[in-house]
Amino acid sequence: MILTVVTINSLENAEKIANVLLDEKLCACVNIIPEAKSIYIWQGEKKVEMEVIMLIKTEKSKFSELVKRIRELHPYKLPEIIGIPINYGLPEYLEWIKSSLQ
């Protein structure tokens, strides 16, 4: 299992991507957290932006296709897409993720 973290510029874009990923069975669940402040360096300049965070639950076998699809739909030139292995969790919840992706 992998928890994928993605930041994006709007709630509308986050919901659009979430629906595509769910419809294509690339993930079992997407949590959308609005209004996160991001402070970062881009092309040598410090930027401060309000972004939306997406927490996407998927299986390792679907991760490459998930990343490809997000890149196709994401408005950023270089989107933040980070995969974090899920090593522990409520067994029934982890089983639900697996069964949702079949």
PDB file of N, CA and C in Angstrom:
ATOM      1  N   MET A   1       0.834  -1.186   0.000  1.00  0.00           N
ATOM      2  CA  MET A   1       0.000   0.000   0.000  1.00  0.00           C
ATOM      3  C   MET A   1       0.875   1.244   0.000  1.00  0.00           C
ATOM      4  N   ILE A   2       0.365   2.270  -0.663  1.00  0.00           N
ATOM      5  CA  ILE A   2       1.098   3.534  -0.739  1.00  0.00           C
ATOM      6  C   ILE A   2       0.140   4.689  -0.472  1.00  0.00           C
ATOM      7  N   LEU A   3       0.575   5.607   0.367  1.00  0.00           N
ATOM      8  CA  LEU A   3      -0.115   6.876   0.570  1.00  0.00           C
ATOM      9  C   LEU A   3       0.587   7.882  -0.325  1.00  0.00           C
ATOM     10  N   THR A   4      -0.140   8.434  -1.285  1.00  0.00           N
ATOM     11  CA  THR A   4       0.429   9.389  -2.226  1.00  0.00           C
ATOM     12  C   THR A   4      -0.020  10.787  -1.828  1.00  0.00           C
ATOM     13  N   VAL A   5       0.937  11.687  -1.681  1.00  0.00           N
ATOM     14  CA  VAL A   5       0.661  13.073  -1.317  1.00  0.00           C
ATOM     15  C   VAL A   5       0.843  13.928  -2.568  1.00  0.00           C
ATOM     16  N   VAL A   6      -0.171  14.727  -2.874  1.00  0.00           N
ATOM     17  CA  VAL A   6      -0.141  15.614  -4.036  1.00  0.00           C
ATOM     18  C   VAL A   6      -0.633  16.985  -3.586  1.00  0.00           C
ATOM     19  N   THR A   7       0.051  18.035  -4.018  1.00  0.00           N
ATOM     20  CA  THR A   7      -0.471  19.390  -3.806  1.00  0.00           C
ATOM     21  C   THR A   7      -0.943  19.931  -5.149  1.00  0.00           C
ATOM     22  N   ILE A   8      -1.963  20.778  -5.093  1.00  0.00           N
ATOM     23  CA  ILE A   8      -2.568  21.316  -6.313  1.00  0.00           C
ATOM     24  C   ILE A   8      -3.139  22.699  -6.013  1.00  0.00           C
ATOM     25  N   ASN A   9      -3.446  23.453  -7.053  1.00  0.00           N
ATOM     26  CA  ASN A   9      -3.796  24.862  -6.908  1.00  0.00           C
ATOM     27  C   ASN A   9      -5.242  25.156  -6.518  1.00  0.00           C
ATOM     28  N   SER A  10      -6.161  24.194  -6.670  1.00  0.00           N
ATOM     29  CA  SER A  10      -7.556  24.512  -6.354  1.00  0.00           C
ATOM     30  C   SER A  10      -8.336  23.269  -5.947  1.00  0.00           C
ATOM     31  N   LEU A  11      -9.391  23.505  -5.198  1.00  0.00           N
ATOM     32  CA  LEU A  11     -10.303  22.441  -4.792  1.00  0.00           C
ATOM     33  C   LEU A  11     -10.953  21.808  -6.021  1.00  0.00           C
ATOM     34  N   GLU A  12     -11.317  22.627  -6.979  1.00  0.00           N
ATOM     35  CA  GLU A  12     -11.942  22.135  -8.212  1.00  0.00           C
ATOM     36  C   GLU A  12     -11.020  21.155  -8.942  1.00  0.00           C
ATOM     37  N   ASN A  13      -9.743  21.508  -9.095  1.00  0.00           N
ATOM     38  CA  ASN A  13      -8.798  20.614  -9.768  1.00  0.00           C
ATOM     39  C   ASN A  13      -8.561  19.344  -8.956  1.00  0.00           C
ATOM     40  N   ALA A  14      -8.509  19.465  -7.637  1.00  0.00           N
ATOM     41  CA  ALA A  14      -8.327  18.288  -6.780  1.00  0.00           C
ATOM     42  C   ALA A  14      -9.496  17.321  -6.946  1.00  0.00           C
ATOM     43  N   GLU A  15     -10.710  17.845  -6.947  1.00  0.00           N
ATOM     44  CA  GLU A  15     -11.894  16.998  -7.098  1.00  0.00           C
ATOM     45  C   GLU A  15     -11.935  16.353  -8.475  1.00  0.00           C
ATOM     46  N   LYS A  16     -11.545  17.088  -9.491  1.00  0.00           N
ATOM     47  CA  LYS A  16     -11.509  16.544 -10.857  1.00  0.00           C
ATOM     48  C   LYS A  16     -10.555  15.354 -10.926  1.00  0.00           C
ATOM     49  N   ILE A  17      -9.347  15.532 -10.415  1.00  0.00           N
ATOM     50  CA  ILE A  17      -8.359  14.456 -10.446  1.00  0.00           C
ATOM     51  C   ILE A  17      -8.823  13.285  -9.585  1.00  0.00           C
ATOM     52  N   ALA A  18      -9.354  13.564  -8.407  1.00  0.00           N
ATOM     53  CA  ALA A  18      -9.832  12.500  -7.519  1.00  0.00           C
ATOM     54  C   ALA A  18     -10.883  11.644  -8.214  1.00  0.00           C
ATOM     55  N   ASN A  19     -11.825  12.270  -8.880  1.00  0.00           N
ATOM     56  CA  ASN A  19     -12.887  11.521  -9.555  1.00  0.00           C
ATOM     57  C   ASN A  19     -12.354  10.657 -10.687  1.00  0.00           C
ATOM     58  N   VAL A  20     -11.402  11.170 -11.455  1.00  0.00           N
ATOM     59  CA  VAL A  20     -10.797  10.374 -12.529  1.00  0.00           C
ATOM     60  C   VAL A  20     -10.068   9.169 -11.942  1.00  0.00           C
ATOM     61  N   LEU A  21      -9.257   9.394 -10.911  1.00  0.00           N
ATOM     62  CA  LEU A  21      -8.491   8.300 -10.306  1.00  0.00           C
ATOM     63  C   LEU A  21      -9.410   7.224  -9.731  1.00  0.00           C
ATOM     64  N   LEU A  22     -10.487   7.643  -9.083  1.00  0.00           N
ATOM     65  CA  LEU A  22     -11.443   6.681  -8.527  1.00  0.00           C
ATOM     66  C   LEU A  22     -12.188   5.940  -9.637  1.00  0.00           C
ATOM     67  N   ASP A  23     -12.642   6.657 -10.653  1.00  0.00           N
ATOM     68  CA  ASP A  23     -13.366   6.028 -11.762  1.00  0.00           C
ATOM     69  C   ASP A  23     -12.502   5.003 -12.488  1.00  0.00           C
ATOM     70  N   GLU A  24     -11.198   5.272 -12.580  1.00  0.00           N
ATOM     71  CA  GLU A  24     -10.277   4.373 -13.277  1.00  0.00           C
ATOM     72  C   GLU A  24      -9.675   3.321 -12.343  1.00  0.00           C
ATOM     73  N   LYS A  25     -10.162   3.267 -11.108  1.00  0.00           N
ATOM     74  CA  LYS A  25      -9.705   2.300 -10.086  1.00  0.00           C
ATOM     75  C   LYS A  25      -8.193   2.344  -9.867  1.00  0.00           C
ATOM     76  N   LEU A  26      -7.647   3.555  -9.897  1.00  0.00           N
ATOM     77  CA  LEU A  26      -6.228   3.744  -9.605  1.00  0.00           C
ATOM     78  C   LEU A  26      -6.000   4.016  -8.123  1.00  0.00           C
ATOM     79  N   CYS A  27      -7.067   4.267  -7.393  1.00  0.00           N
ATOM     80  CA  CYS A  27      -6.968   4.477  -5.950  1.00  0.00           C
ATOM     81  C   CYS A  27      -8.284   4.070  -5.303  1.00  0.00           C
ATOM     82  N   ALA A  28      -8.227   3.874  -3.993  1.00  0.00           N
ATOM     83  CA  ALA A  28      -9.422   3.489  -3.239  1.00  0.00           C
ATOM     84  C   ALA A  28     -10.083   4.681  -2.564  1.00  0.00           C
ATOM     85  N   CYS A  29      -9.289   5.709  -2.253  1.00  0.00           N
ATOM     86  CA  CYS A  29      -9.802   6.834  -1.479  1.00  0.00           C
ATOM     87  C   CYS A  29      -8.906   8.050  -1.700  1.00  0.00           C
ATOM     88  N   VAL A  30      -9.522   9.219  -1.742  1.00  0.00           N
ATOM     89  CA  VAL A  30      -8.773  10.477  -1.802  1.00  0.00           C
ATOM     90  C   VAL A  30      -9.330  11.402  -0.727  1.00  0.00           C
ATOM     91  N   ASN A  31      -8.473  11.832   0.182  1.00  0.00           N
ATOM     92  CA  ASN A  31      -8.836  12.880   1.138  1.00  0.00           C
ATOM     93  C   ASN A  31      -8.331  14.197   0.568  1.00  0.00           C
ATOM     94  N   ILE A  32      -9.172  15.208   0.592  1.00  0.00           N
ATOM     95  CA  ILE A  32      -8.812  16.524   0.069  1.00  0.00           C
ATOM     96  C   ILE A  32      -8.818  17.511   1.231  1.00  0.00           C
ATOM     97  N   ILE A  33      -7.660  18.103   1.462  1.00  0.00           N
ATOM     98  CA  ILE A  33      -7.493  19.056   2.562  1.00  0.00           C
ATOM     99  C   ILE A  33      -7.323  20.450   1.953  1.00  0.00           C
ATOM    100  N   PRO A  34      -8.304  21.326   2.104  1.00  0.00           N
ATOM    101  CA  PRO A  34      -8.211  22.655   1.495  1.00  0.00           C
ATOM    102  C   PRO A  34      -7.319  23.601   2.296  1.00  0.00           C
ATOM    103  N   GLU A  35      -6.820  24.595   1.613  1.00  0.00           N
ATOM    104  CA  GLU A  35      -6.136  25.739   2.224  1.00  0.00           C
ATOM    105  C   GLU A  35      -4.910  25.404   3.062  1.00  0.00           C
ATOM    106  N   ALA A  36      -3.934  24.810   2.434  1.00  0.00           N
ATOM    107  CA  ALA A  36      -2.630  24.614   3.071  1.00  0.00           C
ATOM    108  C   ALA A  36      -1.681  25.684   2.529  1.00  0.00           C
ATOM    109  N   LYS A  37      -0.930  26.301   3.409  1.00  0.00           N
ATOM    110  CA  LYS A  37       0.034  27.310   2.968  1.00  0.00           C
ATOM    111  C   LYS A  37       1.342  26.609   2.617  1.00  0.00           C
ATOM    112  N   SER A  38       1.806  26.808   1.393  1.00  0.00           N
ATOM    113  CA  SER A  38       3.072  26.235   0.933  1.00  0.00           C
ATOM    114  C   SER A  38       4.086  27.353   0.765  1.00  0.00           C
ATOM    115  N   ILE A  39       5.265  27.149   1.319  1.00  0.00           N
ATOM    116  CA  ILE A  39       6.375  28.100   1.196  1.00  0.00           C
ATOM    117  C   ILE A  39       7.530  27.315   0.588  1.00  0.00           C
ATOM    118  N   TYR A  40       8.021  27.764  -0.567  1.00  0.00           N
ATOM    119  CA  TYR A  40       9.021  26.978  -1.285  1.00  0.00           C
ATOM    120  C   TYR A  40       9.854  27.875  -2.202  1.00  0.00           C
ATOM    121  N   ILE A  41      10.943  27.310  -2.703  1.00  0.00           N
ATOM    122  CA  ILE A  41      11.790  28.005  -3.671  1.00  0.00           C
ATOM    123  C   ILE A  41      11.440  27.479  -5.055  1.00  0.00           C
ATOM    124  N   TRP A  42      11.120  28.380  -5.983  1.00  0.00           N
ATOM    125  CA  TRP A  42      10.828  28.005  -7.365  1.00  0.00           C
ATOM    126  C   TRP A  42      11.610  28.931  -8.289  1.00  0.00           C
ATOM    127  N   GLN A  43      12.479  28.343  -9.085  1.00  0.00           N
ATOM    128  CA  GLN A  43      13.312  29.083 -10.032  1.00  0.00           C
ATOM    129  C   GLN A  43      14.060  30.221  -9.342  1.00  0.00           C
ATOM    130  N   GLY A  44      14.627  29.895  -8.176  1.00  0.00           N
ATOM    131  CA  GLY A  44      15.462  30.833  -7.447  1.00  0.00           C
ATOM    132  C   GLY A  44      14.736  31.855  -6.597  1.00  0.00           C
ATOM    133  N   GLU A  45      13.413  31.826  -6.594  1.00  0.00           N
ATOM    134  CA  GLU A  45      12.637  32.796  -5.813  1.00  0.00           C
ATOM    135  C   GLU A  45      11.788  32.091  -4.760  1.00  0.00           C
ATOM    136  N   LYS A  46      11.689  32.720  -3.593  1.00  0.00           N
ATOM    137  CA  LYS A  46      10.807  32.185  -2.555  1.00  0.00           C
ATOM    138  C   LYS A  46       9.365  32.510  -2.915  1.00  0.00           C
ATOM    139  N   LYS A  47       8.514  31.502  -2.833  1.00  0.00           N
ATOM    140  CA  LYS A  47       7.094  31.650  -3.142  1.00  0.00           C
ATOM    141  C   LYS A  47       6.267  31.275  -1.919  1.00  0.00           C
ATOM    142  N   VAL A  48       5.132  31.916  -1.763  1.00  0.00           N
ATOM    143  CA  VAL A  48       4.150  31.577  -0.733  1.00  0.00           C
ATOM    144  C   VAL A  48       2.808  31.460  -1.448  1.00  0.00           C
ATOM    145  N   GLU A  49       2.226  30.279  -1.406  1.00  0.00           N
ATOM    146  CA  GLU A  49       0.975  30.024  -2.124  1.00  0.00           C
ATOM    147  C   GLU A  49       0.017  29.245  -1.233  1.00  0.00           C
ATOM    148  N   MET A  50      -1.249  29.429  -1.461  1.00  0.00           N
ATOM    149  CA  MET A  50      -2.258  28.578  -0.838  1.00  0.00           C
ATOM    150  C   MET A  50      -2.514  27.419  -1.797  1.00  0.00           C
ATOM    151  N   GLU A  51      -2.465  26.208  -1.266  1.00  0.00           N
ATOM    152  CA  GLU A  51      -2.672  25.022  -2.082  1.00  0.00           C
ATOM    153  C   GLU A  51      -3.651  24.081  -1.392  1.00  0.00           C
ATOM    154  N   VAL A  52      -4.025  23.062  -2.117  1.00  0.00           N
ATOM    155  CA  VAL A  52      -4.887  22.000  -1.622  1.00  0.00           C
ATOM    156  C   VAL A  52      -4.029  20.741  -1.560  1.00  0.00           C
ATOM    157  N   ILE A  53      -4.163  19.968  -0.483  1.00  0.00           N
ATOM    158  CA  ILE A  53      -3.412  18.720  -0.334  1.00  0.00           C
ATOM    159  C   ILE A  53      -4.344  17.547  -0.610  1.00  0.00           C
ATOM    160  N   MET A  54      -3.854  16.621  -1.414  1.00  0.00           N
ATOM    161  CA  MET A  54      -4.578  15.381  -1.693  1.00  0.00           C
ATOM    162  C   MET A  54      -3.815  14.222  -1.055  1.00  0.00           C
ATOM    163  N   LEU A  55      -4.518  13.396  -0.296  1.00  0.00           N
ATOM    164  CA  LEU A  55      -3.952  12.170   0.271  1.00  0.00           C
ATOM    165  C   LEU A  55      -4.645  11.007  -0.434  1.00  0.00           C
ATOM    166  N   ILE A  56      -3.883  10.267  -1.222  1.00  0.00           N
ATOM    167  CA  ILE A  56      -4.438   9.255  -2.117  1.00  0.00           C
ATOM    168  C   ILE A  56      -3.943   7.876  -1.687  1.00  0.00           C
ATOM    169  N   LYS A  57      -4.880   6.945  -1.439  1.00  0.00           N
ATOM    170  CA  LYS A  57      -4.506   5.593  -1.026  1.00  0.00           C
ATOM    171  C   LYS A  57      -4.594   4.646  -2.208  1.00  0.00           C
ATOM    172  N   THR A  58      -3.490   3.918  -2.467  1.00  0.00           N
ATOM    173  CA  THR A  58      -3.443   2.985  -3.580  1.00  0.00           C
ATOM    174  C   THR A  58      -2.553   1.801  -3.237  1.00  0.00           C
ATOM    175  N   GLU A  59      -2.465   0.858  -4.164  1.00  0.00           N
ATOM    176  CA  GLU A  59      -1.565  -0.280  -4.032  1.00  0.00           C
ATOM    177  C   GLU A  59      -0.278   0.005  -4.795  1.00  0.00           C
ATOM    178  N   LYS A  60       0.781  -0.659  -4.382  1.00  0.00           N
ATOM    179  CA  LYS A  60       2.083  -0.499  -5.031  1.00  0.00           C
ATOM    180  C   LYS A  60       1.991  -0.790  -6.533  1.00  0.00           C
ATOM    181  N   SER A  61       1.226  -1.795  -6.907  1.00  0.00           N
ATOM    182  CA  SER A  61       1.102  -2.191  -8.315  1.00  0.00           C
ATOM    183  C   SER A  61       0.429  -1.123  -9.179  1.00  0.00           C
ATOM    184  N   LYS A  62      -0.299  -0.202  -8.573  1.00  0.00           N
ATOM    185  CA  LYS A  62      -1.007   0.847  -9.321  1.00  0.00           C
ATOM    186  C   LYS A  62      -0.275   2.189  -9.292  1.00  0.00           C
ATOM    187  N   PHE A  63       0.808   2.278  -8.531  1.00  0.00           N
ATOM    188  CA  PHE A  63       1.452   3.573  -8.290  1.00  0.00           C
ATOM    189  C   PHE A  63       1.966   4.232  -9.573  1.00  0.00           C
ATOM    190  N   SER A  64       2.649   3.491 -10.432  1.00  0.00           N
ATOM    191  CA  SER A  64       3.205   4.086 -11.660  1.00  0.00           C
ATOM    192  C   SER A  64       2.112   4.657 -12.550  1.00  0.00           C
ATOM    193  N   GLU A  65       1.031   3.915 -12.720  1.00  0.00           N
ATOM    194  CA  GLU A  65      -0.082   4.389 -13.543  1.00  0.00           C
ATOM    195  C   GLU A  65      -0.770   5.584 -12.886  1.00  0.00           C
ATOM    196  N   LEU A  66      -0.879   5.566 -11.564  1.00  0.00           N
ATOM    197  CA  LEU A  66      -1.458   6.685 -10.823  1.00  0.00           C
ATOM    198  C   LEU A  66      -0.642   7.957 -11.060  1.00  0.00           C
ATOM    199  N   VAL A  67       0.672   7.859 -10.944  1.00  0.00           N
ATOM    200  CA  VAL A  67       1.549   9.016 -11.168  1.00  0.00           C
ATOM    201  C   VAL A  67       1.400   9.525 -12.599  1.00  0.00           C
ATOM    202  N   LYS A  68       1.386   8.617 -13.556  1.00  0.00           N
ATOM    203  CA  LYS A  68       1.233   9.004 -14.969  1.00  0.00           C
ATOM    204  C   LYS A  68      -0.072   9.773 -15.181  1.00  0.00           C
ATOM    205  N   ARG A  69      -1.150   9.265 -14.614  1.00  0.00           N
ATOM    206  CA  ARG A  69      -2.465   9.899 -14.798  1.00  0.00           C
ATOM    207  C   ARG A  69      -2.524  11.267 -14.113  1.00  0.00           C
ATOM    208  N   ILE A  70      -1.956  11.366 -12.915  1.00  0.00           N
ATOM    209  CA  ILE A  70      -1.927  12.664 -12.230  1.00  0.00           C
ATOM    210  C   ILE A  70      -1.157  13.675 -13.068  1.00  0.00           C
ATOM    211  N   ARG A  71      -0.015  13.272 -13.611  1.00  0.00           N
ATOM    212  CA  ARG A  71       0.791  14.197 -14.428  1.00  0.00           C
ATOM    213  C   ARG A  71       0.025  14.675 -15.654  1.00  0.00           C
ATOM    214  N   GLU A  72      -0.792  13.800 -16.242  1.00  0.00           N
ATOM    215  CA  GLU A  72      -1.595  14.180 -17.409  1.00  0.00           C
ATOM    216  C   GLU A  72      -2.642  15.228 -17.055  1.00  0.00           C
ATOM    217  N   LEU A  73      -3.178  15.158 -15.845  1.00  0.00           N
ATOM    218  CA  LEU A  73      -4.293  16.021 -15.439  1.00  0.00           C
ATOM    219  C   LEU A  73      -3.875  17.247 -14.628  1.00  0.00           C
ATOM    220  N   HIS A  74      -2.688  17.220 -14.054  1.00  0.00           N
ATOM    221  CA  HIS A  74      -2.253  18.258 -13.118  1.00  0.00           C
ATOM    222  C   HIS A  74      -1.839  19.530 -13.862  1.00  0.00           C
ATOM    223  N   PRO A  75      -2.234  20.707 -13.364  1.00  0.00           N
ATOM    224  CA  PRO A  75      -1.888  21.958 -14.053  1.00  0.00           C
ATOM    225  C   PRO A  75      -0.437  22.418 -13.871  1.00  0.00           C
ATOM    226  N   TYR A  76       0.288  21.876 -12.887  1.00  0.00           N
ATOM    227  CA  TYR A  76       1.656  22.336 -12.637  1.00  0.00           C
ATOM    228  C   TYR A  76       2.640  21.679 -13.601  1.00  0.00           C
ATOM    229  N   LYS A  77       3.694  22.413 -13.947  1.00  0.00           N
ATOM    230  CA  LYS A  77       4.784  21.868 -14.752  1.00  0.00           C
ATOM    231  C   LYS A  77       5.517  20.765 -13.984  1.00  0.00           C
ATOM    232  N   LEU A  78       5.710  20.973 -12.685  1.00  0.00           N
ATOM    233  CA  LEU A  78       6.397  20.010 -11.825  1.00  0.00           C
ATOM    234  C   LEU A  78       5.541  19.762 -10.579  1.00  0.00           C
ATOM    235  N   PRO A  79       4.563  18.851 -10.676  1.00  0.00           N
ATOM    236  CA  PRO A  79       3.690  18.620  -9.524  1.00  0.00           C
ATOM    237  C   PRO A  79       4.388  17.839  -8.415  1.00  0.00           C
ATOM    238  N   GLU A  80       4.014  18.147  -7.186  1.00  0.00           N
ATOM    239  CA  GLU A  80       4.471  17.348  -6.049  1.00  0.00           C
ATOM    240  C   GLU A  80       3.658  16.063  -6.027  1.00  0.00           C
ATOM    241  N   ILE A  81       4.339  14.948  -6.231  1.00  0.00           N
ATOM    242  CA  ILE A  81       3.722  13.623  -6.143  1.00  0.00           C
ATOM    243  C   ILE A  81       4.701  12.763  -5.356  1.00  0.00           C
ATOM    244  N   ILE A  82       4.356  12.451  -4.115  1.00  0.00           N
ATOM    245  CA  ILE A  82       5.255  11.714  -3.227  1.00  0.00           C
ATOM    246  C   ILE A  82       4.532  10.462  -2.738  1.00  0.00           C
ATOM    247  N   GLY A  83       5.163   9.310  -2.906  1.00  0.00           N
ATOM    248  CA  GLY A  83       4.595   8.050  -2.430  1.00  0.00           C
ATOM    249  C   GLY A  83       5.249   7.615  -1.131  1.00  0.00           C
ATOM    250  N   ILE A  84       4.435   7.353  -0.134  1.00  0.00           N
ATOM    251  CA  ILE A  84       4.918   6.922   1.183  1.00  0.00           C
ATOM    252  C   ILE A  84       4.365   5.521   1.444  1.00  0.00           C
ATOM    253  N   PRO A  85       5.236   4.531   1.645  1.00  0.00           N
ATOM    254  CA  PRO A  85       4.736   3.180   1.919  1.00  0.00           C
ATOM    255  C   PRO A  85       3.905   3.144   3.205  1.00  0.00           C
ATOM    256  N   ILE A  86       2.805   2.421   3.149  1.00  0.00           N
ATOM    257  CA  ILE A  86       1.977   2.196   4.332  1.00  0.00           C
ATOM    258  C   ILE A  86       2.410   0.849   4.909  1.00  0.00           C
ATOM    259  N   ASN A  87       3.159   0.887   5.986  1.00  0.00           N
ATOM    260  CA  ASN A  87       3.660  -0.337   6.605  1.00  0.00           C
ATOM    261  C   ASN A  87       2.734  -0.881   7.679  1.00  0.00           C
ATOM    262  N   TYR A  88       1.927  -0.015   8.248  1.00  0.00           N
ATOM    263  CA  TYR A  88       1.038  -0.415   9.330  1.00  0.00           C
ATOM    264  C   TYR A  88      -0.307   0.272   9.144  1.00  0.00           C
ATOM    265  N   GLY A  89      -1.346  -0.376   9.614  1.00  0.00           N
ATOM    266  CA  GLY A  89      -2.674   0.209   9.567  1.00  0.00           C
ATOM    267  C   GLY A  89      -3.689  -0.800  10.064  1.00  0.00           C
ATOM    268  N   LEU A  90      -4.887  -0.342  10.286  1.00  0.00           N
ATOM    269  CA  LEU A  90      -5.969  -1.230  10.687  1.00  0.00           C
ATOM    270  C   LEU A  90      -6.132  -2.290   9.597  1.00  0.00           C
ATOM    271  N   PRO A  91      -5.949  -3.570   9.910  1.00  0.00           N
ATOM    272  CA  PRO A  91      -5.985  -4.612   8.878  1.00  0.00           C
ATOM    273  C   PRO A  91      -7.245  -4.584   8.011  1.00  0.00           C
ATOM    274  N   GLU A  92      -8.389  -4.348   8.628  1.00  0.00           N
ATOM    275  CA  GLU A  92      -9.638  -4.308   7.859  1.00  0.00           C
ATOM    276  C   GLU A  92      -9.646  -3.143   6.872  1.00  0.00           C
ATOM    277  N   TYR A  93      -9.064  -2.017   7.259  1.00  0.00           N
ATOM    278  CA  TYR A  93      -9.002  -0.861   6.356  1.00  0.00           C
ATOM    279  C   TYR A  93      -8.068  -1.158   5.186  1.00  0.00           C
ATOM    280  N   LEU A  94      -6.920  -1.743   5.470  1.00  0.00           N
ATOM    281  CA  LEU A  94      -5.977  -2.074   4.402  1.00  0.00           C
ATOM    282  C   LEU A  94      -6.586  -3.096   3.439  1.00  0.00           C
ATOM    283  N   GLU A  95      -7.346  -4.026   3.966  1.00  0.00           N
ATOM    284  CA  GLU A  95      -8.034  -5.005   3.113  1.00  0.00           C
ATOM    285  C   GLU A  95      -9.090  -4.313   2.256  1.00  0.00           C
ATOM    286  N   TRP A  96      -9.777  -3.331   2.820  1.00  0.00           N
ATOM    287  CA  TRP A  96     -10.768  -2.566   2.054  1.00  0.00           C
ATOM    288  C   TRP A  96     -10.101  -1.853   0.879  1.00  0.00           C
ATOM    289  N   ILE A  97      -8.917  -1.276   1.090  1.00  0.00           N
ATOM    290  CA  ILE A  97      -8.195  -0.630  -0.014  1.00  0.00           C
ATOM    291  C   ILE A  97      -7.964  -1.647  -1.126  1.00  0.00           C
ATOM    292  N   LYS A  98      -7.435  -2.819  -0.776  1.00  0.00           N
ATOM    293  CA  LYS A  98      -7.172  -3.867  -1.781  1.00  0.00           C
ATOM    294  C   LYS A  98      -8.437  -4.239  -2.542  1.00  0.00           C
ATOM    295  N   SER A  99      -9.501  -4.508  -1.810  1.00  0.00           N
ATOM    296  CA  SER A  99     -10.735  -4.959  -2.460  1.00  0.00           C
ATOM    297  C   SER A  99     -11.364  -3.864  -3.319  1.00  0.00           C
ATOM    298  N   SER A 100     -11.155  -2.613  -2.965  1.00  0.00           N
ATOM    299  CA  SER A 100     -11.706  -1.495  -3.745  1.00  0.00           C
ATOM    300  C   SER A 100     -11.019  -1.335  -5.093  1.00  0.00           C
ATOM    301  N   LEU A 101      -9.825  -1.862  -5.210  1.00  0.00           N
ATOM    302  CA  LEU A 101      -9.046  -1.686  -6.437  1.00  0.00           C
ATOM    303  C   LEU A 101      -9.161  -2.870  -7.390  1.00  0.00           C
ATOM    304  N   GLN A 102     -10.009  -3.830  -7.078  1.00  0.00           N
ATOM    305  CA  GLN A 102     -10.178  -5.018  -7.931  1.00  0.00           C
ATOM    306  C   GLN A 102     -11.195  -4.764  -9.015  1.00  0.00           C
TER     307      GLN A 102
END
